[in-house]
Amino acid sequence: QVQLVESGGGLVQAGGSLRLSCAASGRTLSDNAMGWFRQAPEKKREFVAAINWNHITYYSDSVKGRFTISRDSAKNTVYLQMNSLKPEDTAVYYCAADVGGWRSTYSVSYYTRDTEYDYWGQGTQVTVSS
């Protein structure tokens, strides 16, 4: 059983930065895709970023150029560096793991679908004040 624990959320002013971490346990995930999603109040969960086993990264248009996803395979941890934060980035951020494909590379759209991920963290709140 995989467990994902996010940390690093908080309150920050617009233009500021935060770094989210997602620590995985129960299974080594270095050969699998990991993703970040977010959900704002009364909105659907949306894709933010993903990284595959080969460290290829994918971003939503809304965060491209401001957010960076990375992974430390030795620590079984994925990060989301968020810079130039905007009030519209306010949401609960979730880490997700796709354990179905070992060293697989898919189309971009695959990584954006939350249904492709098998495990989810509990979420961490990010609030950006104007």
Protein backbone atom coordinates (compact mmCIF):
# COMPACT_ATOMS: atom_id res chain seq x y z
CA GLN A 1 0.00 0.00 0.00
CA VAL A 2 1.35 3.39 -1.01
CA GLN A 3 1.05 6.36 1.28
CA LEU A 4 1.63 9.92 0.13
CA VAL A 5 2.10 12.77 2.57
CA GLU A 6 2.17 16.36 1.38
CA SER A 7 3.73 19.24 3.27
CA GLY A 8 4.82 22.81 2.70
CA GLY A 9 1.51 24.55 2.21
CA GLY A 10 0.63 27.80 3.93
CA LEU A 11 -0.32 31.43 3.56
CA VAL A 12 1.75 33.64 1.27
CA GLN A 13 1.33 37.03 -0.34
CA ALA A 14 0.88 37.39 -4.06
CA GLY A 15 4.23 37.23 -5.80
CA GLY A 16 5.68 34.98 -3.14
CA SER A 17 6.90 31.40 -3.28
CA LEU A 18 6.21 28.08 -1.63
CA ARG A 19 7.72 24.64 -2.02
CA LEU A 20 5.47 21.64 -1.60
CA SER A 21 6.83 18.19 -0.83
CA CYS A 22 5.22 14.79 -1.28
CA ALA A 23 6.89 11.94 0.56
CA ALA A 24 5.95 8.44 -0.54
CA SER A 25 6.16 5.27 1.51
CA GLY A 26 5.21 1.65 1.06
CA ARG A 27 6.71 1.36 -2.41
CA THR A 28 9.53 2.89 -4.42
CA LEU A 29 8.00 5.18 -7.02
CA SER A 30 11.10 6.24 -8.96
CA ASP A 31 9.91 4.26 -12.00
CA ASN A 32 6.42 5.71 -11.99
CA ALA A 33 4.72 8.97 -12.84
CA MET A 34 3.83 11.41 -10.08
CA GLY A 35 1.51 14.37 -10.33
CA TRP A 36 0.21 17.42 -8.53
CA PHE A 37 -3.42 18.47 -8.72
CA ARG A 38 -5.34 21.19 -6.95
CA GLN A 39 -8.91 21.93 -5.99
CA ALA A 40 -10.28 25.34 -5.14
CA PRO A 41 -13.54 25.78 -3.22
CA GLU A 42 -16.56 24.83 -5.34
CA LYS A 43 -14.36 23.97 -8.30
CA LYS A 44 -13.36 20.68 -9.87
CA ARG A 45 -9.96 19.19 -9.20
CA GLU A 46 -7.51 20.28 -11.86
CA PHE A 47 -4.14 19.15 -13.12
CA VAL A 48 -1.12 21.23 -12.13
CA ALA A 49 2.04 19.31 -13.03
CA ALA A 50 3.43 15.83 -13.51
CA ILE A 51 6.79 14.14 -13.84
CA ASN A 52 7.41 10.74 -15.36
CA TRP A 53 10.01 8.10 -14.52
CA ASN A 54 12.50 9.73 -16.91
CA HIS A 55 12.07 13.15 -15.27
CA ILE A 56 10.11 14.52 -18.21
CA THR A 57 7.77 17.18 -16.89
CA TYR A 58 4.31 18.40 -17.85
CA TYR A 59 2.48 21.55 -16.75
CA SER A 60 -0.90 23.13 -17.06
CA ASP A 61 -0.90 26.37 -19.01
CA SER A 62 -1.92 28.30 -15.90
CA VAL A 63 1.28 27.44 -14.03
CA LYS A 64 3.80 26.99 -16.82
CA GLY A 65 6.82 29.19 -16.26
CA ARG A 66 5.98 29.74 -12.59
CA PHE A 67 5.89 26.23 -11.09
CA THR A 68 8.53 23.53 -11.28
CA ILE A 69 8.01 19.87 -10.48
CA SER A 70 10.97 17.69 -9.56
CA ARG A 71 11.72 14.42 -7.85
CA ASP A 72 14.38 12.95 -5.63
CA SER A 73 14.31 9.23 -6.29
CA ALA A 74 16.65 8.46 -3.41
CA LYS A 75 14.18 10.09 -1.01
CA ASN A 76 11.08 8.81 -2.84
CA THR A 77 9.86 12.40 -2.79
CA VAL A 78 8.34 14.76 -5.32
CA TYR A 79 8.45 18.54 -5.05
CA LEU A 80 6.48 21.43 -6.47
CA GLN A 81 8.30 24.76 -6.40
CA MET A 82 5.75 27.51 -6.81
CA ASN A 83 6.96 31.01 -7.67
CA SER A 84 5.15 34.23 -8.56
CA LEU A 85 2.07 32.97 -6.78
CA LYS A 86 -1.29 34.53 -7.58
CA PRO A 87 -4.53 34.63 -5.58
CA GLU A 88 -6.05 32.27 -8.15
CA ASP A 89 -3.50 29.64 -7.12
CA THR A 90 -5.31 29.32 -3.81
CA ALA A 91 -6.45 25.72 -3.43
CA VAL A 92 -5.82 22.43 -1.70
CA TYR A 93 -2.91 20.78 -3.48
CA TYR A 94 -2.82 17.01 -3.83
CA CYS A 95 0.02 14.70 -4.72
CA ALA A 96 -0.80 11.60 -6.76
CA ALA A 97 1.02 8.46 -7.89
CA ASP A 98 0.45 6.33 -10.98
CA VAL A 99 1.66 2.84 -10.17
CA GLY A 100 0.17 1.20 -13.22
CA GLY A 101 2.97 1.82 -15.69
CA TRP A 102 6.54 0.86 -14.96
CA ARG A 103 8.92 3.16 -16.82
CA SER A 104 6.16 4.11 -19.22
CA THR A 105 5.82 7.29 -21.21
CA TYR A 106 2.39 8.39 -22.31
CA SER A 107 0.78 11.25 -24.19
CA VAL A 108 0.56 14.59 -22.43
CA SER A 109 -3.18 14.20 -21.92
CA TYR A 110 -2.64 11.01 -19.94
CA TYR A 111 -0.81 12.83 -17.17
CA THR A 112 -3.51 15.47 -16.88
CA ARG A 113 -6.29 12.98 -16.11
CA ASP A 114 -6.78 12.38 -12.38
CA THR A 115 -8.36 9.01 -13.17
CA GLU A 116 -4.94 7.69 -14.27
CA TYR A 117 -3.50 8.02 -10.77
CA ASP A 118 -3.90 5.27 -8.22
CA TYR A 119 -2.89 6.85 -4.92
CA TRP A 120 -3.51 10.28 -3.46
CA GLY A 121 -2.26 12.26 -0.51
CA GLN A 122 -4.48 14.04 1.98
CA GLY A 123 -3.75 17.46 0.49
CA THR A 124 -2.11 20.63 1.73
CA GLN A 125 -3.73 24.06 1.74
CA VAL A 126 -2.11 26.89 -0.21
CA THR A 127 -3.58 30.35 0.30
CA VAL A 128 -2.32 33.35 -1.66
CA SER A 129 -3.43 36.75 -0.43
CA SER A 130 -3.67 39.78 -2.70
